[in-house]
């Protein structure tokens, strides 16, 4: 099984404050398990995070990450949401996030 970081994507653009965090987590799991979204089995969703509107989705298989990243447009849709929300899906990279943390905590 691939390292957790290789099976994780970063999701940005989640509407903040509309629903309970656990409800939004459920919606994200459903979205990323659907075949129409090139999804697959979700192992874990980390939401909320330190950044507003951002979540981390970890899949059971690394192939799903590649598949999800190939989808041109992810739109979060659910009957519990008042509208459709475009999501930005990017590959998780430990180096980038630790570098960003470094810049924020220790400005150059």
PDB file of N, CA and C in Angstrom:
ATOM      1  N   UNK A   1       0.851  -1.192   0.000  1.00  0.00           N
ATOM      2  CA  UNK A   1       0.000   0.000   0.000  1.00  0.00           C
ATOM      3  C   UNK A   1       0.894   1.251   0.000  1.00  0.00           C
ATOM      4  N   UNK A   2       0.573   2.173  -0.876  1.00  0.00           N
ATOM      5  CA  UNK A   2       1.368   3.396  -1.000  1.00  0.00           C
ATOM      6  C   UNK A   2       1.276   4.231   0.272  1.00  0.00           C
ATOM      7  N   UNK A   3       2.293   5.049   0.488  1.00  0.00           N
ATOM      8  CA  UNK A   3       2.305   5.948   1.648  1.00  0.00           C
ATOM      9  C   UNK A   3       1.051   6.807   1.650  1.00  0.00           C
ATOM     10  N   UNK A   4       0.610   7.141   2.849  1.00  0.00           N
ATOM     11  CA  UNK A   4      -0.628   7.909   2.979  1.00  0.00           C
ATOM     12  C   UNK A   4      -0.566   9.207   2.172  1.00  0.00           C
ATOM     13  N   UNK A   5       0.571   9.893   2.186  1.00  0.00           N
ATOM     14  CA  UNK A   5       0.675  11.168   1.466  1.00  0.00           C
ATOM     15  C   UNK A   5       0.484  10.981  -0.035  1.00  0.00           C
ATOM     16  N   UNK A   6       0.882   9.817  -0.570  1.00  0.00           N
ATOM     17  CA  UNK A   6       0.726   9.550  -2.006  1.00  0.00           C
ATOM     18  C   UNK A   6      -0.722   9.229  -2.361  1.00  0.00           C
ATOM     19  N   UNK A   7      -1.535   8.912  -1.356  1.00  0.00           N
ATOM     20  CA  UNK A   7      -2.938   8.565  -1.586  1.00  0.00           C
ATOM     21  C   UNK A   7      -3.875   9.706  -1.189  1.00  0.00           C
ATOM     22  N   UNK A   8      -3.312  10.891  -0.966  1.00  0.00           N
ATOM     23  CA  UNK A   8      -4.094  12.012  -0.448  1.00  0.00           C
ATOM     24  C   UNK A   8      -4.139  13.164  -1.439  1.00  0.00           C
ATOM     25  N   UNK A   9      -5.303  13.807  -1.536  1.00  0.00           N
ATOM     26  CA  UNK A   9      -5.451  15.027  -2.326  1.00  0.00           C
ATOM     27  C   UNK A   9      -5.909  16.157  -1.411  1.00  0.00           C
ATOM     28  N   UNK A  10      -5.624  17.377  -1.837  1.00  0.00           N
ATOM     29  CA  UNK A  10      -6.046  18.573  -1.102  1.00  0.00           C
ATOM     30  C   UNK A  10      -7.243  19.157  -1.842  1.00  0.00           C
ATOM     31  N   UNK A  11      -8.303  19.422  -1.110  1.00  0.00           N
ATOM     32  CA  UNK A  11      -9.526  19.975  -1.689  1.00  0.00           C
ATOM     33  C   UNK A  11      -9.685  21.398  -1.179  1.00  0.00           C
ATOM     34  N   UNK A  12      -9.802  22.357  -2.096  1.00  0.00           N
ATOM     35  CA  UNK A  12     -10.030  23.754  -1.708  1.00  0.00           C
ATOM     36  C   UNK A  12     -11.339  24.223  -2.331  1.00  0.00           C
ATOM     37  N   UNK A  13     -11.951  25.225  -1.708  1.00  0.00           N
ATOM     38  CA  UNK A  13     -13.202  25.779  -2.228  1.00  0.00           C
ATOM     39  C   UNK A  13     -14.443  25.224  -1.555  1.00  0.00           C
ATOM     40  N   UNK A  14     -14.250  24.538  -0.437  1.00  0.00           N
ATOM     41  CA  UNK A  14     -15.399  23.988   0.295  1.00  0.00           C
ATOM     42  C   UNK A  14     -16.142  25.159   0.951  1.00  0.00           C
ATOM     43  N   UNK A  15     -17.447  25.245   0.740  1.00  0.00           N
ATOM     44  CA  UNK A  15     -18.191  26.358   1.348  1.00  0.00           C
ATOM     45  C   UNK A  15     -18.113  26.267   2.868  1.00  0.00           C
ATOM     46  N   UNK A  16     -17.658  27.334   3.481  1.00  0.00           N
ATOM     47  CA  UNK A  16     -17.397  27.334   4.916  1.00  0.00           C
ATOM     48  C   UNK A  16     -18.607  27.836   5.696  1.00  0.00           C
ATOM     49  N   UNK A  17     -18.933  27.151   6.783  1.00  0.00           N
ATOM     50  CA  UNK A  17     -19.955  27.642   7.697  1.00  0.00           C
ATOM     51  C   UNK A  17     -21.397  27.378   7.285  1.00  0.00           C
ATOM     52  N   UNK A  18     -21.621  26.679   6.180  1.00  0.00           N
ATOM     53  CA  UNK A  18     -23.002  26.417   5.747  1.00  0.00           C
ATOM     54  C   UNK A  18     -23.624  25.246   6.496  1.00  0.00           C
ATOM     55  N   UNK A  19     -22.808  24.233   6.757  1.00  0.00           N
ATOM     56  CA  UNK A  19     -23.301  23.006   7.384  1.00  0.00           C
ATOM     57  C   UNK A  19     -22.370  22.600   8.517  1.00  0.00           C
ATOM     58  N   UNK A  20     -22.844  21.695   9.349  1.00  0.00           N
ATOM     59  CA  UNK A  20     -22.003  21.109  10.391  1.00  0.00           C
ATOM     60  C   UNK A  20     -20.795  20.439   9.745  1.00  0.00           C
ATOM     61  N   UNK A  21     -19.665  20.468  10.414  1.00  0.00           N
ATOM     62  CA  UNK A  21     -18.440  19.865   9.863  1.00  0.00           C
ATOM     63  C   UNK A  21     -18.613  18.394   9.517  1.00  0.00           C
ATOM     64  N   UNK A  22     -19.329  17.654  10.387  1.00  0.00           N
ATOM     65  CA  UNK A  22     -19.492  16.219  10.111  1.00  0.00           C
ATOM     66  C   UNK A  22     -20.388  15.977   8.894  1.00  0.00           C
ATOM     67  N   UNK A  23     -21.359  16.860   8.668  1.00  0.00           N
ATOM     68  CA  UNK A  23     -22.225  16.748   7.488  1.00  0.00           C
ATOM     69  C   UNK A  23     -21.405  17.043   6.231  1.00  0.00           C
ATOM     70  N   UNK A  24     -20.574  18.082   6.279  1.00  0.00           N
ATOM     71  CA  UNK A  24     -19.729  18.419   5.130  1.00  0.00           C
ATOM     72  C   UNK A  24     -18.741  17.282   4.852  1.00  0.00           C
ATOM     73  N   UNK A  25     -18.231  16.667   5.886  1.00  0.00           N
ATOM     74  CA  UNK A  25     -17.331  15.525   5.715  1.00  0.00           C
ATOM     75  C   UNK A  25     -18.048  14.396   4.977  1.00  0.00           C
ATOM     76  N   UNK A  26     -19.289  14.114   5.361  1.00  0.00           N
ATOM     77  CA  UNK A  26     -20.087  13.077   4.679  1.00  0.00           C
ATOM     78  C   UNK A  26     -20.277  13.418   3.207  1.00  0.00           C
ATOM     79  N   UNK A  27     -20.588  14.681   2.917  1.00  0.00           N
ATOM     80  CA  UNK A  27     -20.794  15.112   1.533  1.00  0.00           C
ATOM     81  C   UNK A  27     -19.510  14.917   0.723  1.00  0.00           C
ATOM     82  N   UNK A  28     -18.372  15.232   1.324  1.00  0.00           N
ATOM     83  CA  UNK A  28     -17.088  15.054   0.632  1.00  0.00           C
ATOM     84  C   UNK A  28     -16.810  13.578   0.362  1.00  0.00           C
ATOM     85  N   UNK A  29     -17.089  12.730   1.340  1.00  0.00           N
ATOM     86  CA  UNK A  29     -16.894  11.284   1.145  1.00  0.00           C
ATOM     87  C   UNK A  29     -17.752  10.805  -0.027  1.00  0.00           C
ATOM     88  N   UNK A  30     -19.029  11.187  -0.027  1.00  0.00           N
ATOM     89  CA  UNK A  30     -19.941  10.773  -1.105  1.00  0.00           C
ATOM     90  C   UNK A  30     -19.419  11.265  -2.452  1.00  0.00           C
ATOM     91  N   UNK A  31     -19.028  12.538  -2.519  1.00  0.00           N
ATOM     92  CA  UNK A  31     -18.544  13.113  -3.784  1.00  0.00           C
ATOM     93  C   UNK A  31     -17.354  12.328  -4.331  1.00  0.00           C
ATOM     94  N   UNK A  32     -16.385  12.035  -3.465  1.00  0.00           N
ATOM     95  CA  UNK A  32     -15.145  11.415  -3.936  1.00  0.00           C
ATOM     96  C   UNK A  32     -15.218   9.893  -4.036  1.00  0.00           C
ATOM     97  N   UNK A  33     -16.368   9.310  -3.670  1.00  0.00           N
ATOM     98  CA  UNK A  33     -16.564   7.882  -3.906  1.00  0.00           C
ATOM     99  C   UNK A  33     -17.321   7.627  -5.206  1.00  0.00           C
ATOM    100  N   UNK A  34     -17.953   8.672  -5.752  1.00  0.00           N
ATOM    101  CA  UNK A  34     -18.770   8.496  -6.961  1.00  0.00           C
ATOM    102  C   UNK A  34     -17.904   8.274  -8.200  1.00  0.00           C
ATOM    103  N   UNK A  35     -18.334   7.307  -9.019  1.00  0.00           N
ATOM    104  CA  UNK A  35     -17.584   7.035 -10.243  1.00  0.00           C
ATOM    105  C   UNK A  35     -17.663   8.203 -11.223  1.00  0.00           C
ATOM    106  N   UNK A  36     -18.771   8.962 -11.209  1.00  0.00           N
ATOM    107  CA  UNK A  36     -18.876  10.111 -12.126  1.00  0.00           C
ATOM    108  C   UNK A  36     -17.848  11.190 -11.800  1.00  0.00           C
ATOM    109  N   UNK A  37     -17.289  11.148 -10.600  1.00  0.00           N
ATOM    110  CA  UNK A  37     -16.239  12.091 -10.201  1.00  0.00           C
ATOM    111  C   UNK A  37     -14.854  11.434 -10.260  1.00  0.00           C
ATOM    112  N   UNK A  38     -14.777  10.280 -10.964  1.00  0.00           N
ATOM    113  CA  UNK A  38     -13.540   9.499 -11.076  1.00  0.00           C
ATOM    114  C   UNK A  38     -13.045   9.031  -9.710  1.00  0.00           C
ATOM    115  N   UNK A  39     -13.974   8.913  -8.762  1.00  0.00           N
ATOM    116  CA  UNK A  39     -13.606   8.597  -7.390  1.00  0.00           C
ATOM    117  C   UNK A  39     -13.425   7.116  -7.119  1.00  0.00           C
ATOM    118  N   UNK A  40     -13.240   6.811  -5.846  1.00  0.00           N
ATOM    119  CA  UNK A  40     -13.049   5.440  -5.390  1.00  0.00           C
ATOM    120  C   UNK A  40     -13.182   5.387  -3.880  1.00  0.00           C
ATOM    121  N   UNK A  41     -12.772   4.273  -3.306  1.00  0.00           N
ATOM    122  CA  UNK A  41     -12.936   4.094  -1.863  1.00  0.00           C
ATOM    123  C   UNK A  41     -12.122   5.117  -1.074  1.00  0.00           C
ATOM    124  N   UNK A  42     -12.820   5.860  -0.233  1.00  0.00           N
ATOM    125  CA  UNK A  42     -12.190   6.880   0.603  1.00  0.00           C
ATOM    126  C   UNK A  42     -11.824   6.245   1.938  1.00  0.00           C
ATOM    127  N   UNK A  43     -10.570   6.415   2.318  1.00  0.00           N
ATOM    128  CA  UNK A  43     -10.106   5.897   3.605  1.00  0.00           C
ATOM    129  C   UNK A  43     -10.383   6.896   4.724  1.00  0.00           C
ATOM    130  N   UNK A  44     -10.165   8.181   4.420  1.00  0.00           N
ATOM    131  CA  UNK A  44     -10.274   9.188   5.476  1.00  0.00           C
ATOM    132  C   UNK A  44     -10.464  10.580   4.868  1.00  0.00           C
ATOM    133  N   UNK A  45     -11.258  11.403   5.548  1.00  0.00           N
ATOM    134  CA  UNK A  45     -11.386  12.816   5.186  1.00  0.00           C
ATOM    135  C   UNK A  45     -11.001  13.633   6.416  1.00  0.00           C
ATOM    136  N   UNK A  46     -10.068  14.574   6.225  1.00  0.00           N
ATOM    137  CA  UNK A  46      -9.687  15.463   7.314  1.00  0.00           C
ATOM    138  C   UNK A  46     -10.334  16.820   7.039  1.00  0.00           C
ATOM    139  N   UNK A  47     -11.338  17.128   7.842  1.00  0.00           N
ATOM    140  CA  UNK A  47     -12.067  18.393   7.726  1.00  0.00           C
ATOM    141  C   UNK A  47     -12.761  18.661   9.048  1.00  0.00           C
ATOM    142  N   UNK A  48     -12.736  19.861   9.566  1.00  0.00           N
ATOM    143  CA  UNK A  48     -12.044  21.035   9.037  1.00  0.00           C
ATOM    144  C   UNK A  48     -10.538  20.954   9.271  1.00  0.00           C
ATOM    145  N   UNK A  49      -9.802  21.840   8.615  1.00  0.00           N
ATOM    146  CA  UNK A  49      -8.359  21.915   8.786  1.00  0.00           C
ATOM    147  C   UNK A  49      -8.010  23.331   9.248  1.00  0.00           C
ATOM    148  N   UNK A  50      -6.718  23.602   9.371  1.00  0.00           N
ATOM    149  CA  UNK A  50      -6.284  24.933   9.815  1.00  0.00           C
ATOM    150  C   UNK A  50      -6.656  26.013   8.799  1.00  0.00           C
ATOM    151  N   UNK A  51      -6.845  25.608   7.533  1.00  0.00           N
ATOM    152  CA  UNK A  51      -7.210  26.580   6.492  1.00  0.00           C
ATOM    153  C   UNK A  51      -8.697  26.482   6.208  1.00  0.00           C
ATOM    154  N   UNK A  52      -9.381  27.618   6.193  1.00  0.00           N
ATOM    155  CA  UNK A  52     -10.824  27.639   5.904  1.00  0.00           C
ATOM    156  C   UNK A  52     -11.104  27.092   4.506  1.00  0.00           C
ATOM    157  N   UNK A  53     -12.129  26.247   4.413  1.00  0.00           N
ATOM    158  CA  UNK A  53     -12.543  25.749   3.110  1.00  0.00           C
ATOM    159  C   UNK A  53     -11.626  24.711   2.486  1.00  0.00           C
ATOM    160  N   UNK A  54     -10.724  24.139   3.294  1.00  0.00           N
ATOM    161  CA  UNK A  54      -9.781  23.138   2.780  1.00  0.00           C
ATOM    162  C   UNK A  54      -9.956  21.824   3.524  1.00  0.00           C
ATOM    163  N   UNK A  55      -9.889  20.726   2.778  1.00  0.00           N
ATOM    164  CA  UNK A  55      -9.961  19.386   3.369  1.00  0.00           C
ATOM    165  C   UNK A  55      -8.892  18.510   2.718  1.00  0.00           C
ATOM    166  N   UNK A  56      -8.562  17.425   3.392  1.00  0.00           N
ATOM    167  CA  UNK A  56      -7.662  16.414   2.837  1.00  0.00           C
ATOM    168  C   UNK A  56      -8.462  15.128   2.701  1.00  0.00           C
ATOM    169  N   UNK A  57      -8.402  14.533   1.509  1.00  0.00           N
ATOM    170  CA  UNK A  57      -9.103  13.271   1.263  1.00  0.00           C
ATOM    171  C   UNK A  57      -8.055  12.215   0.949  1.00  0.00           C
ATOM    172  N   UNK A  58      -8.060  11.132   1.736  1.00  0.00           N
ATOM    173  CA  UNK A  58      -7.136  10.022   1.519  1.00  0.00           C
ATOM    174  C   UNK A  58      -7.916   8.839   0.973  1.00  0.00           C
ATOM    175  N   UNK A  59      -7.443   8.302  -0.150  1.00  0.00           N
ATOM    176  CA  UNK A  59      -8.076   7.156  -0.794  1.00  0.00           C
ATOM    177  C   UNK A  59      -7.373   5.874  -0.399  1.00  0.00           C
ATOM    178  N   UNK A  60      -8.078   4.748  -0.549  1.00  0.00           N
ATOM    179  CA  UNK A  60      -7.467   3.458  -0.245  1.00  0.00           C
ATOM    180  C   UNK A  60      -6.423   3.081  -1.289  1.00  0.00           C
ATOM    181  N   UNK A  61      -6.641   3.506  -2.541  1.00  0.00           N
ATOM    182  CA  UNK A  61      -5.710   3.172  -3.624  1.00  0.00           C
ATOM    183  C   UNK A  61      -5.138   4.434  -4.256  1.00  0.00           C
ATOM    184  N   UNK A  62      -3.843   4.396  -4.535  1.00  0.00           N
ATOM    185  CA  UNK A  62      -3.176   5.552  -5.133  1.00  0.00           C
ATOM    186  C   UNK A  62      -3.700   5.839  -6.548  1.00  0.00           C
ATOM    187  N   UNK A  63      -4.149   4.788  -7.258  1.00  0.00           N
ATOM    188  CA  UNK A  63      -4.660   4.985  -8.626  1.00  0.00           C
ATOM    189  C   UNK A  63      -5.844   5.956  -8.641  1.00  0.00           C
ATOM    190  N   UNK A  64      -6.631   5.944  -7.573  1.00  0.00           N
ATOM    191  CA  UNK A  64      -7.796   6.824  -7.501  1.00  0.00           C
ATOM    192  C   UNK A  64      -7.349   8.288  -7.481  1.00  0.00           C
ATOM    193  N   UNK A  65      -6.228   8.572  -6.841  1.00  0.00           N
ATOM    194  CA  UNK A  65      -5.704   9.938  -6.812  1.00  0.00           C
ATOM    195  C   UNK A  65      -5.482  10.425  -8.236  1.00  0.00           C
ATOM    196  N   UNK A  66      -4.816   9.599  -9.044  1.00  0.00           N
ATOM    197  CA  UNK A  66      -4.536   9.982 -10.438  1.00  0.00           C
ATOM    198  C   UNK A  66      -5.840  10.215 -11.194  1.00  0.00           C
ATOM    199  N   UNK A  67      -6.798   9.346 -10.969  1.00  0.00           N
ATOM    200  CA  UNK A  67      -8.089   9.425 -11.642  1.00  0.00           C
ATOM    201  C   UNK A  67      -8.846  10.710 -11.259  1.00  0.00           C
ATOM    202  N   UNK A  68      -8.874  11.003  -9.969  1.00  0.00           N
ATOM    203  CA  UNK A  68      -9.567  12.195  -9.461  1.00  0.00           C
ATOM    204  C   UNK A  68      -8.907  13.464 -10.008  1.00  0.00           C
ATOM    205  N   UNK A  69      -7.579  13.460 -10.080  1.00  0.00           N
ATOM    206  CA  UNK A  69      -6.856  14.637 -10.575  1.00  0.00           C
ATOM    207  C   UNK A  69      -7.106  14.877 -12.062  1.00  0.00           C
ATOM    208  N   UNK A  70      -7.446  13.818 -12.807  1.00  0.00           N
ATOM    209  CA  UNK A  70      -7.690  13.953 -14.252  1.00  0.00           C
ATOM    210  C   UNK A  70      -9.037  14.598 -14.557  1.00  0.00           C
ATOM    211  N   UNK A  71      -9.957  14.534 -13.601  1.00  0.00           N
ATOM    212  CA  UNK A  71     -11.280  15.143 -13.839  1.00  0.00           C
ATOM    213  C   UNK A  71     -11.108  16.658 -13.920  1.00  0.00           C
ATOM    214  N   UNK A  72     -11.636  17.226 -15.002  1.00  0.00           N
ATOM    215  CA  UNK A  72     -11.417  18.651 -15.271  1.00  0.00           C
ATOM    216  C   UNK A  72     -12.084  19.538 -14.222  1.00  0.00           C
ATOM    217  N   UNK A  73     -13.339  19.228 -13.889  1.00  0.00           N
ATOM    218  CA  UNK A  73     -14.058  20.099 -12.961  1.00  0.00           C
ATOM    219  C   UNK A  73     -14.778  19.276 -11.901  1.00  0.00           C
ATOM    220  N   UNK A  74     -14.475  19.558 -10.652  1.00  0.00           N
ATOM    221  CA  UNK A  74     -15.207  18.944  -9.541  1.00  0.00           C
ATOM    222  C   UNK A  74     -16.176  19.996  -9.019  1.00  0.00           C
ATOM    223  N   UNK A  75     -17.455  19.612  -8.972  1.00  0.00           N
ATOM    224  CA  UNK A  75     -18.477  20.512  -8.418  1.00  0.00           C
ATOM    225  C   UNK A  75     -19.152  19.797  -7.262  1.00  0.00           C
ATOM    226  N   UNK A  76     -19.076  20.418  -6.097  1.00  0.00           N
ATOM    227  CA  UNK A  76     -19.711  19.841  -4.914  1.00  0.00           C
ATOM    228  C   UNK A  76     -21.205  20.131  -4.993  1.00  0.00           C
ATOM    229  N   UNK A  77     -21.989  19.054  -5.096  1.00  0.00           N
ATOM    230  CA  UNK A  77     -23.446  19.186  -5.192  1.00  0.00           C
ATOM    231  C   UNK A  77     -24.085  18.227  -4.189  1.00  0.00           C
ATOM    232  N   UNK A  78     -25.051  18.712  -3.481  1.00  0.00           N
ATOM    233  CA  UNK A  78     -25.775  17.875  -2.526  1.00  0.00           C
ATOM    234  C   UNK A  78     -27.077  18.590  -2.190  1.00  0.00           C
ATOM    235  N   UNK A  79     -28.124  17.834  -1.922  1.00  0.00           N
ATOM    236  CA  UNK A  79     -29.413  18.462  -1.619  1.00  0.00           C
ATOM    237  C   UNK A  79     -29.347  19.310  -0.349  1.00  0.00           C
ATOM    238  N   UNK A  80     -28.366  19.029   0.509  1.00  0.00           N
ATOM    239  CA  UNK A  80     -28.227  19.800   1.755  1.00  0.00           C
ATOM    240  C   UNK A  80     -27.493  21.124   1.537  1.00  0.00           C
ATOM    241  N   UNK A  81     -26.930  21.309   0.343  1.00  0.00           N
ATOM    242  CA  UNK A  81     -26.220  22.559   0.040  1.00  0.00           C
ATOM    243  C   UNK A  81     -27.124  23.478  -0.776  1.00  0.00           C
ATOM    244  N   UNK A  82     -27.022  24.805  -0.556  1.00  0.00           N
ATOM    245  CA  UNK A  82     -27.884  25.735  -1.281  1.00  0.00           C
ATOM    246  C   UNK A  82     -27.480  25.944  -2.750  1.00  0.00           C
ATOM    247  N   UNK A  83     -26.337  25.440  -3.153  1.00  0.00           N
ATOM    248  CA  UNK A  83     -25.903  25.644  -4.539  1.00  0.00           C
ATOM    249  C   UNK A  83     -24.842  24.625  -4.929  1.00  0.00           C
ATOM    250  N   UNK A  84     -24.170  24.898  -6.050  1.00  0.00           N
ATOM    251  CA  UNK A  84     -23.080  24.050  -6.531  1.00  0.00           C
ATOM    252  C   UNK A  84     -21.782  24.813  -6.298  1.00  0.00           C
ATOM    253  N   UNK A  85     -20.762  24.093  -5.843  1.00  0.00           N
ATOM    254  CA  UNK A  85     -19.512  24.756  -5.492  1.00  0.00           C
ATOM    255  C   UNK A  85     -18.345  24.115  -6.240  1.00  0.00           C
ATOM    256  N   UNK A  86     -17.632  24.914  -7.064  1.00  0.00           N
ATOM    257  CA  UNK A  86     -16.467  24.353  -7.754  1.00  0.00           C
ATOM    258  C   UNK A  86     -15.349  24.092  -6.739  1.00  0.00           C
ATOM    259  N   UNK A  87     -14.732  22.938  -6.859  1.00  0.00           N
ATOM    260  CA  UNK A  87     -13.643  22.570  -5.963  1.00  0.00           C
ATOM    261  C   UNK A  87     -12.330  22.541  -6.728  1.00  0.00           C
ATOM    262  N   UNK A  88     -11.267  22.920  -6.064  1.00  0.00           N
ATOM    263  CA  UNK A  88      -9.934  22.792  -6.648  1.00  0.00           C
ATOM    264  C   UNK A  88      -9.281  21.591  -5.980  1.00  0.00           C
ATOM    265  N   UNK A  89      -8.903  20.612  -6.799  1.00  0.00           N
ATOM    266  CA  UNK A  89      -8.314  19.376  -6.288  1.00  0.00           C
ATOM    267  C   UNK A  89      -6.859  19.316  -6.728  1.00  0.00           C
ATOM    268  N   UNK A  90      -5.959  19.216  -5.754  1.00  0.00           N
ATOM    269  CA  UNK A  90      -4.531  19.143  -6.073  1.00  0.00           C
ATOM    270  C   UNK A  90      -3.881  17.995  -5.301  1.00  0.00           C
ATOM    271  N   UNK A  91      -2.754  17.580  -5.818  1.00  0.00           N
ATOM    272  CA  UNK A  91      -1.991  16.505  -5.184  1.00  0.00           C
ATOM    273  C   UNK A  91      -1.439  16.996  -3.848  1.00  0.00           C
ATOM    274  N   UNK A  92      -1.483  16.153  -2.850  1.00  0.00           N
ATOM    275  CA  UNK A  92      -0.903  16.491  -1.543  1.00  0.00           C
ATOM    276  C   UNK A  92       0.602  16.341  -1.641  1.00  0.00           C
ATOM    277  N   UNK A  93       1.313  17.309  -1.127  1.00  0.00           N
ATOM    278  CA  UNK A  93       2.768  17.244  -1.153  1.00  0.00           C
ATOM    279  C   UNK A  93       3.284  17.715   0.197  1.00  0.00           C
ATOM    280  N   UNK A  94       3.898  16.809   0.935  1.00  0.00           N
ATOM    281  CA  UNK A  94       4.372  17.162   2.277  1.00  0.00           C
ATOM    282  C   UNK A  94       5.385  18.290   2.225  1.00  0.00           C
ATOM    283  N   UNK A  95       6.254  18.249   1.231  1.00  0.00           N
ATOM    284  CA  UNK A  95       7.303  19.265   1.133  1.00  0.00           C
ATOM    285  C   UNK A  95       6.706  20.655   0.953  1.00  0.00           C
ATOM    286  N   UNK A  96       5.701  20.752   0.092  1.00  0.00           N
ATOM    287  CA  UNK A  96       5.085  22.052  -0.160  1.00  0.00           C
ATOM    288  C   UNK A  96       4.407  22.570   1.106  1.00  0.00           C
ATOM    289  N   UNK A  97       3.641  21.709   1.783  1.00  0.00           N
ATOM    290  CA  UNK A  97       2.941  22.202   2.961  1.00  0.00           C
ATOM    291  C   UNK A  97       3.906  22.567   4.071  1.00  0.00           C
ATOM    292  N   UNK A  98       4.992  21.817   4.240  1.00  0.00           N
ATOM    293  CA  UNK A  98       5.925  22.184   5.300  1.00  0.00           C
ATOM    294  C   UNK A  98       6.672  23.454   4.910  1.00  0.00           C
ATOM    295  N   UNK A  99       6.884  23.651   3.606  1.00  0.00           N
ATOM    296  CA  UNK A  99       7.538  24.873   3.142  1.00  0.00           C
ATOM    297  C   UNK A  99       6.635  26.081   3.395  1.00  0.00           C
ATOM    298  N   UNK A 100       5.344  25.928   3.127  1.00  0.00           N
ATOM    299  CA  UNK A 100       4.389  27.016   3.363  1.00  0.00           C
ATOM    300  C   UNK A 100       4.335  27.331   4.855  1.00  0.00           C
ATOM    301  N   UNK A 101       4.289  26.294   5.678  1.00  0.00           N
ATOM    302  CA  UNK A 101       4.274  26.497   7.133  1.00  0.00           C
ATOM    303  C   UNK A 101       5.536  27.238   7.555  1.00  0.00           C
ATOM    304  N   UNK A 102       6.664  26.863   6.966  1.00  0.00           N
ATOM    305  CA  UNK A 102       7.944  27.512   7.274  1.00  0.00           C
ATOM    306  C   UNK A 102       7.859  29.007   6.951  1.00  0.00           C
ATOM    307  N   UNK A 103       7.280  29.341   5.786  1.00  0.00           N
ATOM    308  CA  UNK A 103       7.179  30.739   5.385  1.00  0.00           C
ATOM    309  C   UNK A 103       6.243  31.519   6.301  1.00  0.00           C
ATOM    310  N   UNK A 104       5.177  30.864   6.726  1.00  0.00           N
ATOM    311  CA  UNK A 104       4.201  31.545   7.580  1.00  0.00           C
ATOM    312  C   UNK A 104       4.754  31.740   8.981  1.00  0.00           C
ATOM    313  N   UNK A 105       5.399  30.704   9.513  1.00  0.00           N
ATOM    314  CA  UNK A 105       5.883  30.754  10.897  1.00  0.00           C
ATOM    315  C   UNK A 105       7.171  31.556  11.000  1.00  0.00           C
ATOM    316  N   UNK A 106       8.047  31.365  10.018  1.00  0.00           N
ATOM    317  CA  UNK A 106       9.336  32.035  10.046  1.00  0.00           C
ATOM    318  C   UNK A 106       9.511  32.885   8.782  1.00  0.00           C
ATOM    319  N   UNK A 107       8.941  34.065   8.754  1.00  0.00           N
ATOM    320  CA  UNK A 107       9.062  34.884   7.543  1.00  0.00           C
ATOM    321  C   UNK A 107      10.530  35.170   7.226  1.00  0.00           C
ATOM    322  N   UNK A 108      10.826  35.201   5.948  1.00  0.00           N
ATOM    323  CA  UNK A 108      12.219  35.423   5.520  1.00  0.00           C
ATOM    324  C   UNK A 108      12.635  36.873   5.721  1.00  0.00           C
TER     325      UNK A 108
END
